[in-house]
Amino acid sequence: MSPEITGYLMEKLFEQDALDVFMTPIFMKKGRPATKLSVLCVPDRRDRLIESILTETTTFGVRCYTADRSKLIRDFIEVQTQWGIVRVKHGYLGDHLIKSVPEYEDCKRLAKQNSVPLRQVYEEAIRCLN
């Protein structure tokens, strides 16, 4: 299958509410190189995503597995950086703040608007938390 199709399919699956899509290089029988497509989704989106995989790719079948997910409680704050406002996601385990992560899209937008490295905006947002 042409690699261009995998990029197109990834975009389409995200548009159809896939939670995550990733591809892993693997070897199949007889040492044939292949790409394993993994798609995470909520159960009510599964059939639509499978239909897209079967119609857009060369595969003849899809394996499905159910998984549980544990996640941190989240909230957002905004920090003012020298380039603009960045939302920062806080993750809590019970009442304990475990991590704070600047929102990528905010940092990316500000980096482009201000012609500065993305890493610099990200690090500034972290500094502004203190």
C-alpha atoms as a PDB file:
ATOM      1  CA  MET A   1       0.000   0.000   0.000  1.00  0.00           C
ATOM      2  CA  SER A   2       1.299   3.445  -0.848  1.00  0.00           C
ATOM      3  CA  PRO A   3       2.561   5.400   2.197  1.00  0.00           C
ATOM      4  CA  GLU A   4       0.536   8.431   1.068  1.00  0.00           C
ATOM      5  CA  ILE A   5      -2.608   6.486   1.896  1.00  0.00           C
ATOM      6  CA  THR A   6      -1.535   6.003   5.513  1.00  0.00           C
ATOM      7  CA  GLY A   7      -1.231   9.760   6.075  1.00  0.00           C
ATOM      8  CA  TYR A   8      -4.610  10.368   4.470  1.00  0.00           C
ATOM      9  CA  LEU A   9      -6.196   7.589   6.510  1.00  0.00           C
ATOM     10  CA  MET A  10      -4.742   8.938   9.752  1.00  0.00           C
ATOM     11  CA  GLU A  11      -6.313  12.355   9.082  1.00  0.00           C
ATOM     12  CA  LYS A  12      -9.642  10.769   8.203  1.00  0.00           C
ATOM     13  CA  LEU A  13      -9.695   8.606  11.351  1.00  0.00           C
ATOM     14  CA  PHE A  14      -9.023  11.644  13.550  1.00  0.00           C
ATOM     15  CA  GLU A  15     -11.839  13.496  11.757  1.00  0.00           C
ATOM     16  CA  GLN A  16     -14.081  10.543  12.670  1.00  0.00           C
ATOM     17  CA  ASP A  17     -13.232  10.981  16.376  1.00  0.00           C
ATOM     18  CA  ALA A  18     -10.457   8.431  16.832  1.00  0.00           C
ATOM     19  CA  LEU A  19      -8.780   9.179  20.168  1.00  0.00           C
ATOM     20  CA  ASP A  20      -5.372   8.236  18.797  1.00  0.00           C
ATOM     21  CA  VAL A  21      -3.909   6.682  15.660  1.00  0.00           C
ATOM     22  CA  PHE A  22      -0.396   5.315  15.346  1.00  0.00           C
ATOM     23  CA  MET A  23       1.591   3.100  13.030  1.00  0.00           C
ATOM     24  CA  THR A  24       4.311   0.626  13.916  1.00  0.00           C
ATOM     25  CA  PRO A  25       6.740  -0.973  11.464  1.00  0.00           C
ATOM     26  CA  ILE A  26       6.578  -4.772  11.796  1.00  0.00           C
ATOM     27  CA  PHE A  27       7.568  -7.934   9.917  1.00  0.00           C
ATOM     28  CA  MET A  28       4.894 -10.372   8.781  1.00  0.00           C
ATOM     29  CA  LYS A  29       5.174 -13.970   7.658  1.00  0.00           C
ATOM     30  CA  LYS A  30       8.027 -14.778   5.293  1.00  0.00           C
ATOM     31  CA  GLY A  31       9.876 -11.703   6.607  1.00  0.00           C
ATOM     32  CA  ARG A  32       7.655  -9.243   4.742  1.00  0.00           C
ATOM     33  CA  PRO A  33       7.849  -5.672   6.085  1.00  0.00           C
ATOM     34  CA  ALA A  34       4.497  -4.171   7.002  1.00  0.00           C
ATOM     35  CA  THR A  35       2.880  -1.405   8.986  1.00  0.00           C
ATOM     36  CA  LYS A  36       0.609  -2.161  11.922  1.00  0.00           C
ATOM     37  CA  LEU A  37      -2.162   0.411  12.242  1.00  0.00           C
ATOM     38  CA  SER A  38      -3.485   0.976  15.771  1.00  0.00           C
ATOM     39  CA  VAL A  39      -6.580   3.064  16.412  1.00  0.00           C
ATOM     40  CA  LEU A  40      -7.937   3.947  19.838  1.00  0.00           C
ATOM     41  CA  CYS A  41     -11.591   4.930  20.061  1.00  0.00           C
ATOM     42  CA  VAL A  42     -14.691   4.900  22.206  1.00  0.00           C
ATOM     43  CA  PRO A  43     -16.932   1.878  21.534  1.00  0.00           C
ATOM     44  CA  ASP A  44     -19.673   3.757  19.672  1.00  0.00           C
ATOM     45  CA  ARG A  45     -17.166   4.969  17.043  1.00  0.00           C
ATOM     46  CA  ARG A  46     -15.634   1.544  16.375  1.00  0.00           C
ATOM     47  CA  ASP A  47     -17.796   0.383  13.453  1.00  0.00           C
ATOM     48  CA  ARG A  48     -17.384   3.643  11.512  1.00  0.00           C
ATOM     49  CA  LEU A  49     -13.609   3.586  11.982  1.00  0.00           C
ATOM     50  CA  ILE A  50     -13.394  -0.070  10.929  1.00  0.00           C
ATOM     51  CA  GLU A  51     -15.378   0.750   7.793  1.00  0.00           C
ATOM     52  CA  SER A  52     -12.863   3.463   6.895  1.00  0.00           C
ATOM     53  CA  ILE A  53      -9.913   1.133   7.487  1.00  0.00           C
ATOM     54  CA  LEU A  54     -11.436  -1.607   5.322  1.00  0.00           C
ATOM     55  CA  THR A  55     -12.391   0.729   2.486  1.00  0.00           C
ATOM     56  CA  GLU A  56      -9.293   2.964   2.456  1.00  0.00           C
ATOM     57  CA  THR A  57      -6.527   0.345   2.875  1.00  0.00           C
ATOM     58  CA  THR A  58      -5.421  -2.950   1.371  1.00  0.00           C
ATOM     59  CA  THR A  59      -6.266  -4.937   4.508  1.00  0.00           C
ATOM     60  CA  PHE A  60      -8.881  -7.690   4.523  1.00  0.00           C
ATOM     61  CA  GLY A  61      -9.462  -7.697   8.271  1.00  0.00           C
ATOM     62  CA  VAL A  62      -9.307  -5.774  11.522  1.00  0.00           C
ATOM     63  CA  ARG A  63      -8.633  -7.170  15.003  1.00  0.00           C
ATOM     64  CA  CYS A  64     -10.443  -5.467  17.884  1.00  0.00           C
ATOM     65  CA  TYR A  65      -9.605  -5.457  21.574  1.00  0.00           C
ATOM     66  CA  THR A  66     -11.286  -3.788  24.522  1.00  0.00           C
ATOM     67  CA  ALA A  67      -9.083  -1.896  26.941  1.00  0.00           C
ATOM     68  CA  ASP A  68      -9.555   0.045  30.150  1.00  0.00           C
ATOM     69  CA  ARG A  69      -8.136   3.511  30.663  1.00  0.00           C
ATOM     70  CA  SER A  70      -7.026   5.272  33.818  1.00  0.00           C
ATOM     71  CA  LYS A  71      -6.376   8.977  33.641  1.00  0.00           C
ATOM     72  CA  LEU A  72      -5.528  11.949  35.788  1.00  0.00           C
ATOM     73  CA  ILE A  73      -8.168  14.489  36.748  1.00  0.00           C
ATOM     74  CA  ARG A  74      -7.501  17.556  34.594  1.00  0.00           C
ATOM     75  CA  ASP A  75      -8.062  21.264  34.640  1.00  0.00           C
ATOM     76  CA  PHE A  76      -6.612  24.180  32.724  1.00  0.00           C
ATOM     77  CA  ILE A  77      -5.121  27.508  33.637  1.00  0.00           C
ATOM     78  CA  GLU A  78      -3.778  30.264  31.431  1.00  0.00           C
ATOM     79  CA  VAL A  79      -0.318  31.767  31.780  1.00  0.00           C
ATOM     80  CA  GLN A  80       0.849  35.003  30.217  1.00  0.00           C
ATOM     81  CA  THR A  81       4.165  34.587  28.399  1.00  0.00           C
ATOM     82  CA  GLN A  82       6.110  37.334  26.686  1.00  0.00           C
ATOM     83  CA  TRP A  83       4.558  36.155  23.390  1.00  0.00           C
ATOM     84  CA  GLY A  84       0.965  35.672  24.538  1.00  0.00           C
ATOM     85  CA  ILE A  85      -1.331  33.431  26.546  1.00  0.00           C
ATOM     86  CA  VAL A  86      -0.695  29.679  26.796  1.00  0.00           C
ATOM     87  CA  ARG A  87      -3.168  27.242  28.311  1.00  0.00           C
ATOM     88  CA  VAL A  88      -1.526  24.808  30.709  1.00  0.00           C
ATOM     89  CA  LYS A  89      -3.096  21.472  31.581  1.00  0.00           C
ATOM     90  CA  HIS A  90      -2.798  20.345  35.204  1.00  0.00           C
ATOM     91  CA  GLY A  91      -3.053  16.622  35.994  1.00  0.00           C
ATOM     92  CA  TYR A  92      -4.117  15.516  39.483  1.00  0.00           C
ATOM     93  CA  LEU A  93      -4.011  12.140  41.186  1.00  0.00           C
ATOM     94  CA  GLY A  94      -6.615  12.590  43.883  1.00  0.00           C
ATOM     95  CA  ASP A  95      -5.805  15.963  45.433  1.00  0.00           C
ATOM     96  CA  HIS A  96      -2.144  15.923  44.389  1.00  0.00           C
ATOM     97  CA  LEU A  97      -0.905  17.910  41.401  1.00  0.00           C
ATOM     98  CA  ILE A  98       1.226  15.435  39.434  1.00  0.00           C
ATOM     99  CA  LYS A  99       2.116  17.415  36.309  1.00  0.00           C
ATOM    100  CA  SER A 100       1.584  20.624  34.380  1.00  0.00           C
ATOM    101  CA  VAL A 101       1.923  20.613  30.595  1.00  0.00           C
ATOM    102  CA  PRO A 102       1.624  23.591  28.229  1.00  0.00           C
ATOM    103  CA  GLU A 103      -0.844  23.053  25.395  1.00  0.00           C
ATOM    104  CA  TYR A 104       1.063  22.239  22.240  1.00  0.00           C
ATOM    105  CA  GLU A 105      -1.270  24.067  19.833  1.00  0.00           C
ATOM    106  CA  ASP A 106      -1.012  27.318  21.852  1.00  0.00           C
ATOM    107  CA  CYS A 107       2.784  27.082  21.932  1.00  0.00           C
ATOM    108  CA  LYS A 108       2.953  26.249  18.234  1.00  0.00           C
ATOM    109  CA  ARG A 109       0.710  29.195  17.304  1.00  0.00           C
ATOM    110  CA  LEU A 110       2.758  31.646  19.381  1.00  0.00           C
ATOM    111  CA  ALA A 111       6.057  30.284  18.050  1.00  0.00           C
ATOM    112  CA  LYS A 112       4.899  30.836  14.464  1.00  0.00           C
ATOM    113  CA  GLN A 113       3.394  34.260  15.165  1.00  0.00           C
ATOM    114  CA  ASN A 114       6.558  35.470  16.901  1.00  0.00           C
ATOM    115  CA  SER A 115       9.185  33.611  14.838  1.00  0.00           C
ATOM    116  CA  VAL A 116      10.698  31.935  17.888  1.00  0.00           C
ATOM    117  CA  PRO A 117      11.510  28.258  18.497  1.00  0.00           C
ATOM    118  CA  LEU A 118       8.608  26.178  19.775  1.00  0.00           C
ATOM    119  CA  ARG A 119      10.828  24.871  22.589  1.00  0.00           C
ATOM    120  CA  GLN A 120      11.407  28.432  23.770  1.00  0.00           C
ATOM    121  CA  VAL A 121       7.653  29.160  24.060  1.00  0.00           C
ATOM    122  CA  TYR A 122       7.100  25.844  25.837  1.00  0.00           C
ATOM    123  CA  GLU A 123       9.880  26.518  28.374  1.00  0.00           C
ATOM    124  CA  GLU A 124       8.626  30.076  28.959  1.00  0.00           C
ATOM    125  CA  ALA A 125       5.135  28.761  29.721  1.00  0.00           C
ATOM    126  CA  ILE A 126       6.626  26.381  32.314  1.00  0.00           C
ATOM    127  CA  ARG A 127       8.629  29.252  33.885  1.00  0.00           C
ATOM    128  CA  CYS A 128       5.479  31.387  34.098  1.00  0.00           C
ATOM    129  CA  LEU A 129       3.841  28.760  36.301  1.00  0.00           C
ATOM    130  CA  ASN A 130       6.095  29.701  39.203  1.00  0.00           C
END
